[in-house]
Amino acid sequence: LTCPPDGGVYDAYPTEGGHTEFAPRTNLEIEMLKHLMAQFDTIHRISDERIVSGRGIHAVYGFMRKRFPEKVDAELDAAIEEAGDMAGGTIAQNIDNNVLCKWTMEVFWSTYGSAVGSAALKYLPYGGLYIAGGIAPKNIERMFDERDVAFWGDVTHTEKKSFRTGFLPAYNDKGRVRGVLDSIPLYVVLAEDVGQRGAKLMAYRLLGRVVSSGL
């Protein structure tokens, strides 16, 4: 989305940025990448969309239940598997009741935050970076949860080094250029009908062109 410096009419540019490659940041996420590659029968890539979406939440949970079978709650697990396209919502609603749901959403929000941070570095939107869609507003109260994690149960390290999980820690986890993000305002769009609003605005613009042309 760009707007002339004089405040003129803005232009929106459609993208398919959600289908860029998922970049794991922890050993557990590397394991999850391999799991998802096997699940989706690919040997070379997994997109962020496979994780950062409603179905993606369910896919992350599928990895978690396989990785930590001792943490599975049979009754809740059955409810999640029976929920179909609503499985992601069921998982999000049970983060305080089940550790697998909690870990699933932590991986989800961290992946989401990391992807948004990468977009911020690519485009440097100093006027603001706006997060739109349905998942963020539906989960706004828990979107910015954070906590210190020792590799989500990773037992391959003799020396436990914890890190902070959550949307914002992952968003800001950009190494030497982390400070650049301090100059980029970050917003969550609470309206879920942004696409419809944009279509309506475009219709008005087109109508205005027709009227002004005298046709």
N, C-alpha and C. Protein backbone atom coordinates (compact mmCIF):
# COMPACT_ATOMS: atom_id res chain seq x y z
N LEU A 1 0.85 -1.18 0.00
CA LEU A 1 0.00 0.00 0.00
C LEU A 1 0.89 1.24 0.00
N THR A 2 0.76 2.08 -1.01
CA THR A 2 1.57 3.29 -1.10
C THR A 2 0.66 4.50 -1.27
N CYS A 3 1.16 5.63 -0.81
CA CYS A 3 0.41 6.88 -0.93
C CYS A 3 1.38 8.00 -1.27
N PRO A 4 1.05 8.87 -2.22
CA PRO A 4 1.95 9.98 -2.57
C PRO A 4 2.22 10.86 -1.35
N PRO A 5 3.39 11.48 -1.29
CA PRO A 5 3.73 12.35 -0.15
C PRO A 5 2.75 13.48 0.08
N ASP A 6 2.05 13.91 -0.98
CA ASP A 6 1.11 15.02 -0.82
C ASP A 6 -0.26 14.56 -0.32
N GLY A 7 -0.36 13.27 0.03
CA GLY A 7 -1.62 12.78 0.55
C GLY A 7 -2.64 12.43 -0.50
N GLY A 8 -2.21 12.13 -1.70
CA GLY A 8 -3.12 11.80 -2.78
C GLY A 8 -3.73 10.42 -2.62
N VAL A 9 -4.26 9.90 -3.71
CA VAL A 9 -4.92 8.59 -3.68
C VAL A 9 -3.89 7.48 -3.52
N TYR A 10 -4.18 6.56 -2.61
CA TYR A 10 -3.23 5.48 -2.38
C TYR A 10 -3.49 4.34 -3.36
N ASP A 11 -2.48 3.50 -3.53
CA ASP A 11 -2.58 2.32 -4.38
C ASP A 11 -2.24 1.08 -3.56
N ALA A 12 -3.01 0.03 -3.77
CA ALA A 12 -2.76 -1.25 -3.11
C ALA A 12 -2.16 -2.23 -4.12
N TYR A 13 -1.20 -3.02 -3.67
CA TYR A 13 -0.54 -3.98 -4.54
C TYR A 13 -0.75 -5.40 -3.99
N PRO A 14 -1.47 -6.23 -4.71
CA PRO A 14 -1.71 -7.60 -4.23
C PRO A 14 -0.43 -8.42 -4.26
N THR A 15 -0.29 -9.32 -3.29
CA THR A 15 0.87 -10.21 -3.23
C THR A 15 0.41 -11.59 -2.77
N GLU A 16 1.31 -12.52 -2.84
CA GLU A 16 1.10 -13.86 -2.26
C GLU A 16 2.25 -14.13 -1.29
N GLY A 17 2.53 -13.13 -0.45
CA GLY A 17 3.66 -13.22 0.46
C GLY A 17 3.57 -14.36 1.46
N GLY A 18 2.34 -14.81 1.75
CA GLY A 18 2.19 -15.92 2.70
C GLY A 18 2.76 -17.22 2.19
N HIS A 19 3.05 -17.29 0.90
CA HIS A 19 3.57 -18.52 0.32
C HIS A 19 5.09 -18.49 0.16
N THR A 20 5.73 -17.52 0.79
CA THR A 20 7.20 -17.55 0.83
C THR A 20 7.65 -18.65 1.78
N GLU A 21 8.92 -19.00 1.72
CA GLU A 21 9.42 -20.16 2.47
C GLU A 21 9.45 -19.94 3.98
N PHE A 22 9.05 -20.97 4.71
CA PHE A 22 9.15 -20.98 6.16
C PHE A 22 10.62 -21.14 6.55
N ALA A 23 11.08 -20.27 7.45
CA ALA A 23 12.47 -20.33 7.92
C ALA A 23 12.47 -20.67 9.41
N PRO A 24 12.75 -21.93 9.76
CA PRO A 24 12.76 -22.32 11.18
C PRO A 24 13.86 -21.61 11.95
N ARG A 25 13.57 -21.31 13.23
CA ARG A 25 14.52 -20.55 14.04
C ARG A 25 15.02 -21.33 15.25
N THR A 26 14.43 -22.48 15.53
CA THR A 26 14.85 -23.30 16.67
C THR A 26 14.98 -24.75 16.22
N ASN A 27 15.62 -25.57 17.05
CA ASN A 27 15.75 -26.99 16.71
C ASN A 27 14.40 -27.67 16.57
N LEU A 28 13.47 -27.29 17.43
CA LEU A 28 12.14 -27.89 17.35
C LEU A 28 11.45 -27.51 16.04
N GLU A 29 11.63 -26.28 15.62
CA GLU A 29 11.03 -25.85 14.35
C GLU A 29 11.69 -26.54 13.16
N ILE A 30 12.98 -26.86 13.29
CA ILE A 30 13.65 -27.63 12.23
C ILE A 30 13.03 -29.02 12.15
N GLU A 31 12.76 -29.63 13.32
CA GLU A 31 12.08 -30.92 13.34
C GLU A 31 10.70 -30.80 12.69
N MET A 32 9.99 -29.72 13.01
CA MET A 32 8.66 -29.52 12.46
C MET A 32 8.71 -29.35 10.95
N LEU A 33 9.72 -28.64 10.46
CA LEU A 33 9.89 -28.47 9.01
C LEU A 33 10.00 -29.84 8.34
N LYS A 34 10.80 -30.72 8.90
CA LYS A 34 10.98 -32.05 8.32
C LYS A 34 9.66 -32.83 8.39
N HIS A 35 8.95 -32.70 9.48
CA HIS A 35 7.65 -33.36 9.63
C HIS A 35 6.67 -32.87 8.56
N LEU A 36 6.60 -31.57 8.35
CA LEU A 36 5.66 -31.02 7.38
C LEU A 36 6.07 -31.36 5.95
N MET A 37 7.36 -31.42 5.70
CA MET A 37 7.82 -31.83 4.37
C MET A 37 7.36 -33.25 4.06
N ALA A 38 7.42 -34.12 5.07
CA ALA A 38 6.94 -35.50 4.87
C ALA A 38 5.42 -35.51 4.71
N GLN A 39 4.73 -34.71 5.51
CA GLN A 39 3.27 -34.67 5.46
C GLN A 39 2.76 -34.19 4.11
N PHE A 40 3.42 -33.18 3.56
CA PHE A 40 2.97 -32.61 2.29
C PHE A 40 3.76 -33.16 1.10
N ASP A 41 4.54 -34.20 1.35
CA ASP A 41 5.24 -34.92 0.29
C ASP A 41 6.09 -33.99 -0.57
N THR A 42 6.96 -33.23 0.09
CA THR A 42 7.88 -32.36 -0.62
C THR A 42 9.28 -32.55 -0.04
N ILE A 43 10.29 -32.32 -0.84
CA ILE A 43 11.66 -32.51 -0.37
C ILE A 43 12.47 -31.22 -0.40
N HIS A 44 11.80 -30.09 -0.67
CA HIS A 44 12.61 -28.89 -0.86
C HIS A 44 12.06 -27.63 -0.20
N ARG A 45 10.77 -27.57 0.20
CA ARG A 45 10.28 -26.33 0.79
C ARG A 45 8.94 -26.54 1.48
N ILE A 46 8.67 -25.66 2.44
CA ILE A 46 7.36 -25.53 3.08
C ILE A 46 7.09 -24.02 3.18
N SER A 47 5.89 -23.60 2.86
CA SER A 47 5.58 -22.18 2.90
C SER A 47 5.10 -21.77 4.29
N ASP A 48 5.21 -20.48 4.59
CA ASP A 48 4.67 -19.96 5.84
C ASP A 48 3.18 -20.26 5.97
N GLU A 49 2.48 -20.29 4.85
CA GLU A 49 1.05 -20.54 4.85
C GLU A 49 0.69 -21.88 5.47
N ARG A 50 1.60 -22.85 5.39
CA ARG A 50 1.36 -24.16 5.98
C ARG A 50 1.32 -24.09 7.51
N ILE A 51 1.79 -22.97 8.07
CA ILE A 51 1.84 -22.79 9.52
C ILE A 51 0.99 -21.60 9.94
N VAL A 52 1.15 -20.48 9.25
CA VAL A 52 0.46 -19.25 9.63
C VAL A 52 -0.88 -19.17 8.90
N SER A 53 -1.82 -19.97 9.34
CA SER A 53 -3.18 -20.00 8.82
C SER A 53 -4.00 -20.86 9.77
N GLY A 54 -5.31 -20.85 9.59
CA GLY A 54 -6.14 -21.70 10.45
C GLY A 54 -5.78 -23.16 10.30
N ARG A 55 -5.64 -23.62 9.07
CA ARG A 55 -5.23 -25.01 8.85
C ARG A 55 -3.79 -25.23 9.31
N GLY A 56 -2.99 -24.17 9.23
CA GLY A 56 -1.61 -24.28 9.68
C GLY A 56 -1.51 -24.57 11.16
N ILE A 57 -2.39 -23.95 11.95
CA ILE A 57 -2.41 -24.23 13.39
C ILE A 57 -2.64 -25.72 13.63
N HIS A 58 -3.57 -26.29 12.88
CA HIS A 58 -3.84 -27.72 13.01
C HIS A 58 -2.63 -28.55 12.59
N ALA A 59 -1.93 -28.11 11.56
CA ALA A 59 -0.74 -28.83 11.10
C ALA A 59 0.36 -28.81 12.17
N VAL A 60 0.53 -27.66 12.83
CA VAL A 60 1.52 -27.55 13.90
C VAL A 60 1.13 -28.48 15.05
N TYR A 61 -0.15 -28.50 15.39
CA TYR A 61 -0.62 -29.38 16.46
C TYR A 61 -0.35 -30.84 16.10
N GLY A 62 -0.55 -31.21 14.83
CA GLY A 62 -0.27 -32.57 14.39
C GLY A 62 1.17 -32.96 14.64
N PHE A 63 2.08 -32.01 14.41
CA PHE A 63 3.49 -32.27 14.72
C PHE A 63 3.70 -32.42 16.22
N MET A 64 3.10 -31.52 16.99
CA MET A 64 3.29 -31.54 18.44
C MET A 64 2.79 -32.85 19.06
N ARG A 65 1.64 -33.32 18.62
CA ARG A 65 1.08 -34.55 19.20
C ARG A 65 1.94 -35.77 18.87
N LYS A 66 2.63 -35.71 17.73
CA LYS A 66 3.54 -36.80 17.37
C LYS A 66 4.86 -36.67 18.12
N ARG A 67 5.34 -35.44 18.29
CA ARG A 67 6.62 -35.19 18.95
C ARG A 67 6.54 -35.43 20.45
N PHE A 68 5.38 -35.10 21.06
CA PHE A 68 5.20 -35.25 22.50
C PHE A 68 3.94 -36.06 22.79
N PRO A 69 3.92 -37.35 22.45
CA PRO A 69 2.71 -38.16 22.61
C PRO A 69 2.24 -38.26 24.06
N GLU A 70 3.17 -38.13 25.00
CA GLU A 70 2.79 -38.24 26.41
C GLU A 70 1.97 -37.04 26.88
N LYS A 71 1.93 -35.98 26.09
CA LYS A 71 1.19 -34.78 26.45
C LYS A 71 -0.22 -34.75 25.84
N VAL A 72 -0.56 -35.76 25.05
CA VAL A 72 -1.85 -35.77 24.36
C VAL A 72 -2.98 -36.02 25.34
N ASP A 73 -4.00 -35.17 25.30
CA ASP A 73 -5.25 -35.36 26.04
C ASP A 73 -6.22 -36.02 25.07
N ALA A 74 -6.53 -37.28 25.31
CA ALA A 74 -7.30 -38.06 24.33
C ALA A 74 -8.64 -37.42 24.00
N GLU A 75 -9.35 -36.93 25.01
CA GLU A 75 -10.67 -36.35 24.77
C GLU A 75 -10.58 -35.07 23.94
N LEU A 76 -9.64 -34.18 24.32
CA LEU A 76 -9.45 -32.94 23.59
C LEU A 76 -8.91 -33.23 22.20
N ASP A 77 -8.00 -34.18 22.10
CA ASP A 77 -7.42 -34.53 20.81
C ASP A 77 -8.50 -35.00 19.84
N ALA A 78 -9.43 -35.79 20.32
CA ALA A 78 -10.53 -36.26 19.48
C ALA A 78 -11.40 -35.09 19.03
N ALA A 79 -11.65 -34.15 19.95
CA ALA A 79 -12.46 -32.98 19.61
C ALA A 79 -11.79 -32.13 18.54
N ILE A 80 -10.47 -31.99 18.64
CA ILE A 80 -9.72 -31.22 17.65
C ILE A 80 -9.79 -31.89 16.29
N GLU A 81 -9.60 -33.20 16.25
CA GLU A 81 -9.59 -33.92 14.98
C GLU A 81 -10.97 -33.95 14.34
N GLU A 82 -12.02 -33.85 15.17
CA GLU A 82 -13.38 -33.85 14.64
C GLU A 82 -13.86 -32.46 14.24
N ALA A 83 -13.07 -31.44 14.56
CA ALA A 83 -13.50 -30.05 14.32
C ALA A 83 -13.35 -29.62 12.87
N GLY A 84 -12.65 -30.40 12.06
CA GLY A 84 -12.50 -30.05 10.65
C GLY A 84 -11.79 -28.72 10.47
N ASP A 85 -12.39 -27.83 9.68
CA ASP A 85 -11.78 -26.53 9.41
C ASP A 85 -11.74 -25.63 10.63
N MET A 86 -12.46 -26.01 11.69
CA MET A 86 -12.47 -25.22 12.92
C MET A 86 -11.45 -25.72 13.95
N ALA A 87 -10.61 -26.67 13.53
CA ALA A 87 -9.63 -27.25 14.45
C ALA A 87 -8.69 -26.19 15.01
N GLY A 88 -8.27 -25.25 14.16
CA GLY A 88 -7.37 -24.19 14.61
C GLY A 88 -7.99 -23.38 15.73
N GLY A 89 -9.27 -23.06 15.59
CA GLY A 89 -9.97 -22.30 16.62
C GLY A 89 -10.08 -23.08 17.91
N THR A 90 -10.33 -24.39 17.81
CA THR A 90 -10.43 -25.24 18.99
C THR A 90 -9.09 -25.27 19.73
N ILE A 91 -8.01 -25.36 18.99
CA ILE A 91 -6.68 -25.37 19.59
C ILE A 91 -6.41 -24.04 20.30
N ALA A 92 -6.72 -22.93 19.62
CA ALA A 92 -6.48 -21.60 20.20
C ALA A 92 -7.29 -21.38 21.47
N GLN A 93 -8.47 -21.97 21.54
CA GLN A 93 -9.34 -21.80 22.69
C GLN A 93 -8.89 -22.62 23.90
N ASN A 94 -7.97 -23.55 23.69
CA ASN A 94 -7.57 -24.45 24.77
C ASN A 94 -6.12 -24.28 25.21
N ILE A 95 -5.55 -23.11 24.94
CA ILE A 95 -4.14 -22.93 25.30
C ILE A 95 -3.92 -22.91 26.81
N ASP A 96 -4.94 -22.60 27.58
CA ASP A 96 -4.80 -22.60 29.04
C ASP A 96 -5.13 -23.95 29.65
N ASN A 97 -5.65 -24.87 28.84
CA ASN A 97 -6.07 -26.17 29.35
C ASN A 97 -5.16 -27.31 28.93
N ASN A 98 -4.37 -27.10 27.89
CA ASN A 98 -3.57 -28.19 27.35
C ASN A 98 -2.23 -27.67 26.86
N VAL A 99 -1.16 -28.32 27.28
CA VAL A 99 0.18 -27.82 26.97
C VAL A 99 0.50 -27.94 25.48
N LEU A 100 -0.04 -28.97 24.80
CA LEU A 100 0.21 -29.08 23.37
C LEU A 100 -0.43 -27.94 22.61
N CYS A 101 -1.62 -27.53 23.03
CA CYS A 101 -2.28 -26.38 22.39
C CYS A 101 -1.48 -25.12 22.66
N LYS A 102 -0.95 -25.00 23.87
CA LYS A 102 -0.14 -23.83 24.22
C LYS A 102 1.12 -23.78 23.37
N TRP A 103 1.82 -24.90 23.29
CA TRP A 103 3.05 -24.93 22.49
C TRP A 103 2.75 -24.70 21.01
N THR A 104 1.64 -25.25 20.55
CA THR A 104 1.25 -25.07 19.15
C THR A 104 1.07 -23.59 18.83
N MET A 105 0.35 -22.88 19.69
CA MET A 105 0.11 -21.46 19.43
C MET A 105 1.38 -20.64 19.61
N GLU A 106 2.28 -21.06 20.47
CA GLU A 106 3.56 -20.35 20.61
C GLU A 106 4.37 -20.47 19.33
N VAL A 107 4.41 -21.66 18.75
CA VAL A 107 5.11 -21.83 17.47
C VAL A 107 4.42 -21.03 16.38
N PHE A 108 3.09 -21.06 16.38
CA PHE A 108 2.32 -20.32 15.39
C PHE A 108 2.62 -18.83 15.47
N TRP A 109 2.50 -18.23 16.66
CA TRP A 109 2.72 -16.78 16.80
C TRP A 109 4.17 -16.40 16.52
N SER A 110 5.10 -17.26 16.90
CA SER A 110 6.51 -16.96 16.63
C SER A 110 6.78 -16.98 15.13
N THR A 111 6.22 -17.96 14.43
CA THR A 111 6.40 -18.02 12.98
C THR A 111 5.76 -16.82 12.31
N TYR A 112 4.58 -16.44 12.79
CA TYR A 112 3.87 -15.28 12.28
C TYR A 112 4.71 -14.02 12.48
N GLY A 113 5.19 -13.83 13.71
CA GLY A 113 5.99 -12.65 14.02
C GLY A 113 7.26 -12.58 13.21
N SER A 114 7.92 -13.72 13.04
CA SER A 114 9.15 -13.76 12.26
C SER A 114 8.89 -13.37 10.81
N ALA A 115 7.79 -13.88 10.24
CA ALA A 115 7.45 -13.56 8.85
C ALA A 115 7.13 -12.08 8.69
N VAL A 116 6.41 -11.52 9.66
CA VAL A 116 6.07 -10.09 9.59
C VAL A 116 7.34 -9.25 9.73
N GLY A 117 8.24 -9.65 10.62
CA GLY A 117 9.50 -8.93 10.77
C GLY A 117 10.33 -8.97 9.49
N SER A 118 10.33 -10.11 8.82
CA SER A 118 11.05 -10.21 7.54
C SER A 118 10.44 -9.29 6.50
N ALA A 119 9.10 -9.21 6.47
CA ALA A 119 8.44 -8.30 5.53
C ALA A 119 8.81 -6.85 5.84
N ALA A 120 8.90 -6.53 7.12
CA ALA A 120 9.26 -5.16 7.51
C ALA A 120 10.65 -4.81 7.02
N LEU A 121 11.58 -5.76 7.09
CA LEU A 121 12.94 -5.49 6.61
C LEU A 121 12.99 -5.38 5.09
N LYS A 122 12.16 -6.15 4.40
CA LYS A 122 12.18 -6.12 2.93
C LYS A 122 11.62 -4.82 2.37
N TYR A 123 10.54 -4.31 3.02
CA TYR A 123 9.84 -3.16 2.45
C TYR A 123 10.09 -1.86 3.19
N LEU A 124 10.60 -1.93 4.42
CA LEU A 124 10.86 -0.73 5.24
C LEU A 124 9.69 0.24 5.21
N PRO A 125 8.52 -0.19 5.66
CA PRO A 125 7.33 0.67 5.64
C PRO A 125 7.31 1.64 6.82
N TYR A 126 8.06 2.70 6.73
CA TYR A 126 8.21 3.63 7.86
C TYR A 126 6.91 4.34 8.22
N GLY A 127 5.92 4.31 7.29
CA GLY A 127 4.62 4.87 7.61
C GLY A 127 3.76 3.94 8.42
N GLY A 128 4.20 2.70 8.57
CA GLY A 128 3.46 1.73 9.36
C GLY A 128 3.29 0.41 8.65
N LEU A 129 3.35 -0.67 9.41
CA LEU A 129 3.10 -2.01 8.89
C LEU A 129 1.80 -2.49 9.52
N TYR A 130 0.82 -2.82 8.69
CA TYR A 130 -0.53 -3.17 9.16
C TYR A 130 -0.78 -4.66 8.99
N ILE A 131 -1.14 -5.32 10.07
CA ILE A 131 -1.45 -6.75 10.04
C ILE A 131 -2.96 -6.91 9.91
N ALA A 132 -3.39 -7.47 8.80
CA ALA A 132 -4.82 -7.66 8.55
C ALA A 132 -5.13 -9.15 8.45
N GLY A 133 -6.42 -9.45 8.35
CA GLY A 133 -6.83 -10.85 8.27
C GLY A 133 -7.75 -11.20 9.43
N GLY A 134 -8.14 -12.46 9.50
CA GLY A 134 -9.08 -12.86 10.53
C GLY A 134 -8.48 -13.36 11.82
N ILE A 135 -7.29 -13.97 11.75
CA ILE A 135 -6.73 -14.62 12.93
C ILE A 135 -6.29 -13.61 13.99
N ALA A 136 -5.62 -12.54 13.58
CA ALA A 136 -5.11 -11.57 14.55
C ALA A 136 -6.22 -10.94 15.39
N PRO A 137 -7.27 -10.37 14.78
CA PRO A 137 -8.31 -9.77 15.61
C PRO A 137 -9.06 -10.77 16.48
N LYS A 138 -9.21 -12.00 16.01
CA LYS A 138 -9.91 -13.01 16.81
C LYS A 138 -9.11 -13.45 18.02
N ASN A 139 -7.79 -13.26 17.96
CA ASN A 139 -6.92 -13.72 19.04
C ASN A 139 -6.09 -12.58 19.63
N ILE A 140 -6.57 -11.35 19.51
CA ILE A 140 -5.78 -10.18 19.88
C ILE A 140 -5.37 -10.21 21.34
N GLU A 141 -6.19 -10.80 22.22
CA GLU A 141 -5.88 -10.81 23.64
C GLU A 141 -4.70 -11.72 23.96
N ARG A 142 -4.42 -12.69 23.10
CA ARG A 142 -3.31 -13.62 23.36
C ARG A 142 -2.21 -13.53 22.31
N MET A 143 -2.40 -12.67 21.33
CA MET A 143 -1.44 -12.56 20.24
C MET A 143 -0.05 -12.17 20.71
N PHE A 144 0.02 -11.37 21.75
CA PHE A 144 1.32 -10.84 22.18
C PHE A 144 1.81 -11.47 23.48
N ASP A 145 1.30 -12.68 23.80
CA ASP A 145 1.83 -13.42 24.95
C ASP A 145 3.30 -13.74 24.71
N GLU A 146 4.09 -13.70 25.78
CA GLU A 146 5.51 -14.03 25.69
C GLU A 146 5.91 -14.88 26.89
N ARG A 147 6.95 -15.67 26.74
CA ARG A 147 7.55 -16.37 27.87
C ARG A 147 8.92 -16.89 27.46
N ASP A 148 9.74 -17.18 28.47
CA ASP A 148 11.06 -17.76 28.22
C ASP A 148 10.91 -19.26 28.03
N VAL A 149 11.57 -19.79 27.00
CA VAL A 149 11.45 -21.20 26.64
C VAL A 149 12.84 -21.80 26.49
N ALA A 150 12.99 -23.05 26.97
CA ALA A 150 14.25 -23.77 26.77
C ALA A 150 14.06 -24.75 25.61
N PHE A 151 13.94 -24.20 24.42
CA PHE A 151 13.83 -25.00 23.20
C PHE A 151 12.61 -25.92 23.18
N TRP A 152 11.51 -25.52 23.83
CA TRP A 152 10.27 -26.30 23.79
C TRP A 152 10.52 -27.78 24.03
N GLY A 153 11.24 -28.09 25.11
CA GLY A 153 11.45 -29.48 25.46
C GLY A 153 12.58 -30.17 24.72
N ASP A 154 13.38 -29.42 23.99
CA ASP A 154 14.48 -30.00 23.23
C ASP A 154 15.51 -30.60 24.19
N VAL A 155 15.83 -31.88 24.01
CA VAL A 155 16.76 -32.55 24.92
C VAL A 155 18.11 -32.81 24.26
N THR A 156 18.35 -32.19 23.12
CA THR A 156 19.60 -32.45 22.40
C THR A 156 20.73 -31.53 22.84
N HIS A 157 20.43 -30.58 23.73
CA HIS A 157 21.45 -29.65 24.18
C HIS A 157 21.86 -29.96 25.63
N THR A 158 23.16 -30.09 25.85
CA THR A 158 23.63 -30.31 27.21
C THR A 158 23.56 -29.03 28.02
N GLU A 159 23.69 -27.90 27.34
CA GLU A 159 23.59 -26.60 28.01
C GLU A 159 22.30 -25.94 27.57
N LYS A 160 21.37 -25.79 28.52
CA LYS A 160 20.08 -25.22 28.19
C LYS A 160 20.19 -23.71 28.01
N LYS A 161 19.89 -23.24 26.84
CA LYS A 161 19.88 -21.82 26.56
C LYS A 161 18.45 -21.42 26.23
N SER A 162 17.86 -20.63 27.07
CA SER A 162 16.47 -20.24 26.84
C SER A 162 16.39 -19.06 25.89
N PHE A 163 15.23 -18.89 25.29
CA PHE A 163 14.97 -17.73 24.45
C PHE A 163 13.54 -17.32 24.72
N ARG A 164 13.15 -16.16 24.22
CA ARG A 164 11.81 -15.66 24.48
C ARG A 164 10.94 -15.94 23.27
N THR A 165 9.83 -16.60 23.52
CA THR A 165 8.91 -16.92 22.44
C THR A 165 7.75 -15.94 22.42
N GLY A 166 7.15 -15.79 21.26
CA GLY A 166 6.02 -14.88 21.11
C GLY A 166 6.12 -14.11 19.81
N PHE A 167 5.06 -13.45 19.44
CA PHE A 167 5.02 -12.70 18.19
C PHE A 167 6.08 -11.61 18.14
N LEU A 168 6.10 -10.75 19.14
CA LEU A 168 7.03 -9.62 19.11
C LEU A 168 8.49 -10.04 19.26
N PRO A 169 8.82 -10.98 20.16
CA PRO A 169 10.22 -11.42 20.20
C PRO A 169 10.70 -11.97 18.86
N ALA A 170 9.84 -12.73 18.18
CA ALA A 170 10.23 -13.26 16.86
C ALA A 170 10.29 -12.15 15.82
N TYR A 171 9.36 -11.23 15.91
CA TYR A 171 9.34 -10.08 14.99
C TYR A 171 10.65 -9.30 15.10
N ASN A 172 11.11 -9.11 16.32
CA ASN A 172 12.32 -8.31 16.56
C ASN A 172 13.62 -9.10 16.46
N ASP A 173 13.54 -10.40 16.30
CA ASP A 173 14.72 -11.25 16.28
C ASP A 173 15.40 -11.18 14.90
N LYS A 174 16.02 -10.06 14.61
CA LYS A 174 16.62 -9.84 13.31
C LYS A 174 18.11 -9.49 13.40
N GLY A 175 18.74 -9.95 14.47
CA GLY A 175 20.18 -9.80 14.57
C GLY A 175 20.67 -8.38 14.53
N ARG A 176 21.66 -8.13 13.70
CA ARG A 176 22.34 -6.83 13.66
C ARG A 176 21.45 -5.69 13.19
N VAL A 177 20.39 -6.00 12.44
CA VAL A 177 19.52 -4.94 11.93
C VAL A 177 18.23 -4.82 12.74
N ARG A 178 18.20 -5.41 13.91
CA ARG A 178 17.01 -5.37 14.74
C ARG A 178 16.55 -3.94 15.01
N GLY A 179 17.49 -3.01 15.16
CA GLY A 179 17.14 -1.63 15.47
C GLY A 179 16.32 -0.94 14.39
N VAL A 180 16.42 -1.42 13.15
CA VAL A 180 15.64 -0.82 12.07
C VAL A 180 14.15 -0.90 12.37
N LEU A 181 13.72 -1.99 13.02
CA LEU A 181 12.30 -2.20 13.27
C LEU A 181 11.73 -1.20 14.27
N ASP A 182 12.60 -0.57 15.06
CA ASP A 182 12.13 0.44 16.01
C ASP A 182 11.51 1.64 15.30
N SER A 183 11.88 1.84 14.04
CA SER A 183 11.38 2.99 13.28
C SER A 183 10.15 2.66 12.44
N ILE A 184 9.64 1.43 12.59
CA ILE A 184 8.49 0.99 11.79
C ILE A 184 7.31 0.74 12.73
N PRO A 185 6.31 1.62 12.73
CA PRO A 185 5.12 1.40 13.57
C PRO A 185 4.40 0.12 13.15
N LEU A 186 3.93 -0.62 14.12
CA LEU A 186 3.26 -1.90 13.86
C LEU A 186 1.81 -1.82 14.35
N TYR A 187 0.87 -2.14 13.47
CA TYR A 187 -0.55 -2.05 13.81
C TYR A 187 -1.26 -3.36 13.48
N VAL A 188 -2.33 -3.63 14.23
CA VAL A 188 -3.21 -4.75 13.91
C VAL A 188 -4.55 -4.17 13.46
N VAL A 189 -4.99 -4.54 12.28
CA VAL A 189 -6.28 -4.08 11.76
C VAL A 189 -7.37 -4.97 12.36
N LEU A 190 -8.27 -4.38 13.14
CA LEU A 190 -9.30 -5.16 13.81
C LEU A 190 -10.49 -5.47 12.91
N ALA A 191 -10.70 -4.66 11.88
CA ALA A 191 -11.78 -4.92 10.93
C ALA A 191 -11.42 -6.13 10.07
N GLU A 192 -12.37 -7.05 9.90
CA GLU A 192 -12.11 -8.26 9.13
C GLU A 192 -12.63 -8.18 7.71
N ASP A 193 -13.19 -7.03 7.32
CA ASP A 193 -13.76 -6.89 5.98
C ASP A 193 -12.96 -5.91 5.12
N VAL A 194 -11.65 -5.87 5.35
CA VAL A 194 -10.81 -4.93 4.62
C VAL A 194 -10.88 -5.18 3.11
N GLY A 195 -10.94 -6.44 2.70
CA GLY A 195 -11.02 -6.76 1.29
C GLY A 195 -12.28 -6.21 0.65
N GLN A 196 -13.41 -6.36 1.34
CA GLN A 196 -14.67 -5.83 0.83
C GLN A 196 -14.64 -4.30 0.77
N ARG A 197 -14.03 -3.69 1.78
CA ARG A 197 -13.93 -2.22 1.77
C ARG A 197 -13.08 -1.75 0.59
N GLY A 198 -12.01 -2.46 0.33
CA GLY A 198 -11.16 -2.10 -0.81
C GLY A 198 -11.89 -2.25 -2.13
N ALA A 199 -12.68 -3.32 -2.27
CA ALA A 199 -13.45 -3.53 -3.50
C ALA A 199 -14.47 -2.40 -3.68
N LYS A 200 -15.09 -2.00 -2.58
CA LYS A 200 -16.08 -0.90 -2.64
C LYS A 200 -15.41 0.40 -3.07
N LEU A 201 -14.23 0.67 -2.48
CA LEU A 201 -13.50 1.88 -2.84
C LEU A 201 -13.12 1.86 -4.32
N MET A 202 -12.66 0.72 -4.81
CA MET A 202 -12.28 0.62 -6.21
C MET A 202 -13.48 0.86 -7.12
N ALA A 203 -14.65 0.35 -6.70
CA ALA A 203 -15.86 0.57 -7.49
C ALA A 203 -16.20 2.05 -7.56
N TYR A 204 -16.06 2.76 -6.44
CA TYR A 204 -16.30 4.20 -6.43
C TYR A 204 -15.32 4.93 -7.34
N ARG A 205 -14.06 4.50 -7.32
CA ARG A 205 -13.05 5.13 -8.18
C ARG A 205 -13.41 4.94 -9.65
N LEU A 206 -13.77 3.73 -10.01
CA LEU A 206 -14.11 3.45 -11.40
C LEU A 206 -15.35 4.24 -11.83
N LEU A 207 -16.31 4.32 -10.92
CA LEU A 207 -17.51 5.11 -11.22
C LEU A 207 -17.15 6.57 -11.43
N GLY A 208 -16.25 7.08 -10.58
CA GLY A 208 -15.83 8.46 -10.72
C GLY A 208 -15.16 8.73 -12.06
N ARG A 209 -14.37 7.77 -12.55
CA ARG A 209 -13.72 7.93 -13.84
C ARG A 209 -14.75 7.97 -14.98
N VAL A 210 -15.74 7.10 -14.86
CA VAL A 210 -16.78 7.08 -15.89
C VAL A 210 -17.55 8.40 -15.90
N VAL A 211 -17.92 8.89 -14.72
CA VAL A 211 -18.68 10.14 -14.64
C VAL A 211 -17.87 11.31 -15.18
N SER A 212 -16.59 11.37 -14.78
CA SER A 212 -15.75 12.48 -15.21
C SER A 212 -15.46 12.46 -16.71
N SER A 213 -15.51 11.27 -17.30
CA SER A 213 -15.25 11.17 -18.74
C SER A 213 -16.47 11.54 -19.58
N GLY A 214 -17.63 11.62 -18.92
CA GLY A 214 -18.84 11.97 -19.63
C GLY A 214 -19.47 10.84 -20.38
N LEU A 215 -19.03 9.59 -20.14
CA LEU A 215 -19.61 8.44 -20.84
C LEU A 215 -20.98 8.07 -20.28
